[in-house]
Amino acid sequence: MAERRYRIDTARGRLVLGRYEIPIPRSKAGRIATGSALIGGGLLGFLPVLGFWMVPLGFIVLSHDLAYVRRRRRRAAVWWRRRKAARPPHGRDSAR
């Protein structure tokens, strides 16, 4: 079975994003605070240093502990996958 590309490794306390690993707090309160801070910082992404990339990362961290966020993230992932599958192939040869 293929390993999921985005997950939280609770045994090691790390967020796995493909080949990158980011340490996260092991406590539930710490993860919720970290996820909320990432989303809050991402909403200020127009400022230097902060970026809009922080919003999805915050949702990934929060989805580990909050069922509502987990359901919304999963629905968005399914929608995105279906949307990509329905699009015609993109490239030079697709116009012929």
N, C-alpha and C. Protein backbone atom coordinates (compact mmCIF):
# COMPACT_ATOMS: atom_id res chain seq x y z
N MET A 1 0.84 -1.18 0.00
CA MET A 1 0.00 0.00 0.00
C MET A 1 0.89 1.24 0.00
N ALA A 2 0.52 2.23 -0.80
CA ALA A 2 1.32 3.45 -0.90
C ALA A 2 1.17 4.29 0.36
N GLU A 3 2.25 4.89 0.76
CA GLU A 3 2.25 5.75 1.94
C GLU A 3 1.62 7.09 1.58
N ARG A 4 0.79 7.63 2.47
CA ARG A 4 0.18 8.93 2.23
C ARG A 4 1.25 10.00 2.24
N ARG A 5 1.10 10.96 1.35
CA ARG A 5 2.12 12.01 1.23
C ARG A 5 2.01 13.05 2.33
N TYR A 6 0.82 13.28 2.84
CA TYR A 6 0.63 14.30 3.88
C TYR A 6 -0.03 13.63 5.08
N ARG A 7 0.68 13.62 6.20
CA ARG A 7 0.13 12.96 7.39
C ARG A 7 0.86 13.47 8.62
N ILE A 8 0.31 13.14 9.79
CA ILE A 8 0.97 13.45 11.05
C ILE A 8 1.45 12.14 11.64
N ASP A 9 2.74 12.05 11.86
CA ASP A 9 3.34 10.87 12.49
C ASP A 9 3.33 11.10 14.00
N THR A 10 2.32 10.55 14.67
CA THR A 10 2.16 10.79 16.10
C THR A 10 3.25 10.14 16.92
N ALA A 11 3.81 9.05 16.46
CA ALA A 11 4.86 8.37 17.21
C ALA A 11 6.10 9.25 17.35
N ARG A 12 6.42 9.98 16.29
CA ARG A 12 7.61 10.83 16.31
C ARG A 12 7.27 12.31 16.51
N GLY A 13 5.98 12.67 16.49
CA GLY A 13 5.58 14.06 16.67
C GLY A 13 6.01 14.95 15.52
N ARG A 14 5.77 14.48 14.27
CA ARG A 14 6.20 15.22 13.10
C ARG A 14 5.08 15.26 12.06
N LEU A 15 5.00 16.38 11.36
CA LEU A 15 4.10 16.53 10.23
C LEU A 15 4.90 16.15 8.99
N VAL A 16 4.43 15.16 8.24
CA VAL A 16 5.14 14.66 7.06
C VAL A 16 4.46 15.25 5.83
N LEU A 17 5.21 16.03 5.06
CA LEU A 17 4.74 16.64 3.82
C LEU A 17 5.62 16.15 2.68
N GLY A 18 5.23 15.03 2.12
CA GLY A 18 6.07 14.45 1.07
C GLY A 18 7.38 13.98 1.65
N ARG A 19 8.47 14.58 1.19
CA ARG A 19 9.79 14.19 1.72
C ARG A 19 10.25 15.09 2.85
N TYR A 20 9.46 16.10 3.19
CA TYR A 20 9.81 17.03 4.28
C TYR A 20 9.09 16.63 5.56
N GLU A 21 9.75 16.85 6.69
CA GLU A 21 9.16 16.58 7.99
C GLU A 21 9.33 17.80 8.88
N ILE A 22 8.23 18.20 9.53
CA ILE A 22 8.23 19.37 10.40
C ILE A 22 7.82 18.93 11.79
N PRO A 23 8.58 19.27 12.82
CA PRO A 23 8.17 18.89 14.18
C PRO A 23 6.94 19.69 14.61
N ILE A 24 6.01 19.01 15.29
CA ILE A 24 4.83 19.67 15.84
C ILE A 24 4.68 19.24 17.29
N PRO A 25 3.93 20.02 18.08
CA PRO A 25 3.74 19.64 19.49
C PRO A 25 3.02 18.30 19.62
N ARG A 26 3.34 17.56 20.66
CA ARG A 26 2.69 16.27 20.89
C ARG A 26 1.36 16.42 21.63
N SER A 27 1.15 17.56 22.29
CA SER A 27 -0.10 17.77 23.02
C SER A 27 -1.18 18.30 22.09
N LYS A 28 -2.42 17.94 22.39
CA LYS A 28 -3.55 18.39 21.57
C LYS A 28 -3.66 19.90 21.60
N ALA A 29 -3.54 20.51 22.78
CA ALA A 29 -3.64 21.97 22.89
C ALA A 29 -2.53 22.66 22.09
N GLY A 30 -1.35 22.09 22.11
CA GLY A 30 -0.23 22.65 21.35
C GLY A 30 -0.47 22.59 19.85
N ARG A 31 -1.02 21.46 19.37
CA ARG A 31 -1.32 21.33 17.94
C ARG A 31 -2.42 22.29 17.52
N ILE A 32 -3.45 22.45 18.36
CA ILE A 32 -4.53 23.38 18.02
C ILE A 32 -4.01 24.81 17.99
N ALA A 33 -3.17 25.17 18.95
CA ALA A 33 -2.58 26.52 18.95
C ALA A 33 -1.69 26.73 17.73
N THR A 34 -0.89 25.72 17.38
CA THR A 34 0.00 25.83 16.22
C THR A 34 -0.81 25.96 14.93
N GLY A 35 -1.82 25.11 14.76
CA GLY A 35 -2.66 25.17 13.56
C GLY A 35 -3.39 26.50 13.45
N SER A 36 -3.91 26.99 14.57
CA SER A 36 -4.60 28.29 14.56
C SER A 36 -3.64 29.42 14.23
N ALA A 37 -2.44 29.36 14.77
CA ALA A 37 -1.43 30.40 14.48
C ALA A 37 -1.03 30.37 13.01
N LEU A 38 -0.90 29.18 12.43
CA LEU A 38 -0.56 29.08 11.01
C LEU A 38 -1.66 29.67 10.14
N ILE A 39 -2.91 29.38 10.47
CA ILE A 39 -4.02 29.93 9.69
C ILE A 39 -4.08 31.44 9.85
N GLY A 40 -3.94 31.92 11.10
CA GLY A 40 -3.94 33.36 11.33
C GLY A 40 -2.82 34.07 10.60
N GLY A 41 -1.62 33.49 10.63
CA GLY A 41 -0.49 34.07 9.91
C GLY A 41 -0.69 34.01 8.40
N GLY A 42 -1.33 32.95 7.94
CA GLY A 42 -1.59 32.82 6.50
C GLY A 42 -2.58 33.84 5.99
N LEU A 43 -3.53 34.24 6.85
CA LEU A 43 -4.49 35.26 6.44
C LEU A 43 -3.83 36.63 6.32
N LEU A 44 -2.66 36.77 6.92
CA LEU A 44 -1.87 37.99 6.79
C LEU A 44 -0.75 37.78 5.76
N GLY A 45 -0.99 36.92 4.79
CA GLY A 45 0.03 36.53 3.82
C GLY A 45 0.54 37.62 2.93
N PHE A 46 -0.15 38.75 2.87
CA PHE A 46 0.33 39.85 2.05
C PHE A 46 1.50 40.58 2.71
N LEU A 47 1.76 40.29 3.99
CA LEU A 47 2.89 40.90 4.68
C LEU A 47 4.17 40.11 4.41
N PRO A 48 5.34 40.74 4.56
CA PRO A 48 6.59 40.01 4.37
C PRO A 48 6.73 38.87 5.39
N VAL A 49 7.41 37.84 5.05
CA VAL A 49 7.71 36.65 5.85
C VAL A 49 6.51 35.70 5.92
N LEU A 50 5.33 36.23 6.23
CA LEU A 50 4.14 35.38 6.28
C LEU A 50 3.69 35.08 4.86
N GLY A 51 2.96 33.99 4.69
CA GLY A 51 2.53 33.66 3.35
C GLY A 51 1.23 32.89 3.36
N PHE A 52 0.54 32.91 2.24
CA PHE A 52 -0.73 32.21 2.11
C PHE A 52 -0.54 30.69 2.19
N TRP A 53 0.68 30.21 2.02
CA TRP A 53 0.97 28.77 2.12
C TRP A 53 0.71 28.26 3.54
N MET A 54 0.65 29.15 4.51
CA MET A 54 0.46 28.74 5.90
C MET A 54 -0.97 28.27 6.17
N VAL A 55 -1.95 28.72 5.39
CA VAL A 55 -3.34 28.36 5.62
C VAL A 55 -3.57 26.85 5.44
N PRO A 56 -3.21 26.25 4.29
CA PRO A 56 -3.42 24.81 4.17
C PRO A 56 -2.62 23.99 5.18
N LEU A 57 -1.43 24.46 5.51
CA LEU A 57 -0.62 23.76 6.50
C LEU A 57 -1.32 23.78 7.87
N GLY A 58 -1.91 24.91 8.21
CA GLY A 58 -2.66 25.02 9.46
C GLY A 58 -3.85 24.10 9.49
N PHE A 59 -4.55 23.97 8.35
CA PHE A 59 -5.69 23.06 8.29
C PHE A 59 -5.25 21.60 8.42
N ILE A 60 -4.11 21.26 7.87
CA ILE A 60 -3.60 19.89 8.02
C ILE A 60 -3.31 19.58 9.49
N VAL A 61 -2.70 20.52 10.19
CA VAL A 61 -2.39 20.32 11.61
C VAL A 61 -3.68 20.24 12.42
N LEU A 62 -4.63 21.14 12.17
CA LEU A 62 -5.88 21.13 12.92
C LEU A 62 -6.72 19.90 12.62
N SER A 63 -6.64 19.36 11.42
CA SER A 63 -7.49 18.21 11.05
C SER A 63 -7.12 16.95 11.83
N HIS A 64 -5.97 16.94 12.45
CA HIS A 64 -5.59 15.78 13.26
C HIS A 64 -6.44 15.68 14.52
N ASP A 65 -6.85 16.82 15.07
CA ASP A 65 -7.57 16.84 16.33
C ASP A 65 -9.03 17.23 16.23
N LEU A 66 -9.42 17.97 15.21
CA LEU A 66 -10.78 18.48 15.11
C LEU A 66 -11.53 17.79 13.97
N ALA A 67 -12.58 17.06 14.30
CA ALA A 67 -13.33 16.29 13.31
C ALA A 67 -13.95 17.18 12.24
N TYR A 68 -14.46 18.35 12.62
CA TYR A 68 -15.08 19.25 11.66
C TYR A 68 -14.06 19.68 10.59
N VAL A 69 -12.88 20.04 11.01
CA VAL A 69 -11.83 20.45 10.08
C VAL A 69 -11.38 19.27 9.22
N ARG A 70 -11.30 18.08 9.83
CA ARG A 70 -10.90 16.88 9.11
C ARG A 70 -11.89 16.58 7.98
N ARG A 71 -13.21 16.69 8.26
CA ARG A 71 -14.22 16.44 7.23
C ARG A 71 -14.11 17.46 6.11
N ARG A 72 -13.96 18.73 6.46
CA ARG A 72 -13.84 19.78 5.45
C ARG A 72 -12.58 19.61 4.60
N ARG A 73 -11.47 19.25 5.22
CA ARG A 73 -10.23 19.04 4.47
C ARG A 73 -10.38 17.87 3.52
N ARG A 74 -11.01 16.80 3.99
CA ARG A 74 -11.20 15.62 3.14
C ARG A 74 -12.11 15.92 1.95
N ARG A 75 -13.19 16.67 2.21
CA ARG A 75 -14.08 17.06 1.11
C ARG A 75 -13.35 17.90 0.08
N ALA A 76 -12.53 18.83 0.55
CA ALA A 76 -11.77 19.67 -0.38
C ALA A 76 -10.78 18.83 -1.19
N ALA A 77 -10.15 17.85 -0.55
CA ALA A 77 -9.19 16.99 -1.26
C ALA A 77 -9.90 16.14 -2.32
N VAL A 78 -11.07 15.61 -1.99
CA VAL A 78 -11.83 14.81 -2.96
C VAL A 78 -12.29 15.69 -4.12
N TRP A 79 -12.79 16.89 -3.81
CA TRP A 79 -13.23 17.81 -4.85
C TRP A 79 -12.07 18.15 -5.78
N TRP A 80 -10.91 18.44 -5.20
CA TRP A 80 -9.74 18.80 -6.02
C TRP A 80 -9.31 17.65 -6.91
N ARG A 81 -9.30 16.43 -6.37
CA ARG A 81 -8.91 15.26 -7.15
C ARG A 81 -9.87 15.02 -8.31
N ARG A 82 -11.17 15.15 -8.05
CA ARG A 82 -12.17 14.98 -9.11
C ARG A 82 -12.04 16.07 -10.16
N ARG A 83 -11.78 17.27 -9.72
CA ARG A 83 -11.62 18.39 -10.64
C ARG A 83 -10.43 18.16 -11.56
N LYS A 84 -9.31 17.71 -11.00
CA LYS A 84 -8.12 17.44 -11.81
C LYS A 84 -8.37 16.30 -12.79
N ALA A 85 -9.11 15.28 -12.36
CA ALA A 85 -9.38 14.13 -13.23
C ALA A 85 -10.30 14.50 -14.39
N ALA A 86 -11.18 15.47 -14.18
CA ALA A 86 -12.14 15.85 -15.22
C ALA A 86 -11.55 16.80 -16.26
N ARG A 87 -10.44 17.43 -15.94
CA ARG A 87 -9.84 18.38 -16.88
C ARG A 87 -9.15 17.65 -18.01
N PRO A 88 -9.20 18.22 -19.21
CA PRO A 88 -8.48 17.60 -20.34
C PRO A 88 -6.98 17.73 -20.12
N PRO A 89 -6.20 16.86 -20.75
CA PRO A 89 -4.74 16.94 -20.59
C PRO A 89 -4.23 18.28 -21.10
N HIS A 90 -3.22 18.78 -20.41
CA HIS A 90 -2.65 20.09 -20.75
C HIS A 90 -1.29 19.88 -21.40
N GLY A 91 -1.07 20.52 -22.52
CA GLY A 91 0.23 20.41 -23.19
C GLY A 91 0.11 20.83 -24.65
N ARG A 92 1.23 20.73 -25.35
CA ARG A 92 1.25 21.14 -26.75
C ARG A 92 0.40 20.25 -27.62
N ASP A 93 0.41 18.95 -27.39
CA ASP A 93 -0.29 18.01 -28.25
C ASP A 93 -1.79 17.99 -28.01
N SER A 94 -2.29 18.57 -26.92
CA SER A 94 -3.72 18.50 -26.64
C SER A 94 -4.55 19.39 -27.55
N ALA A 95 -3.95 20.39 -28.21
CA ALA A 95 -4.69 21.30 -29.07
C ALA A 95 -4.90 20.71 -30.47
N ARG A 96 -4.23 19.66 -30.81
CA ARG A 96 -4.33 19.09 -32.18
C ARG A 96 -5.52 18.23 -32.36
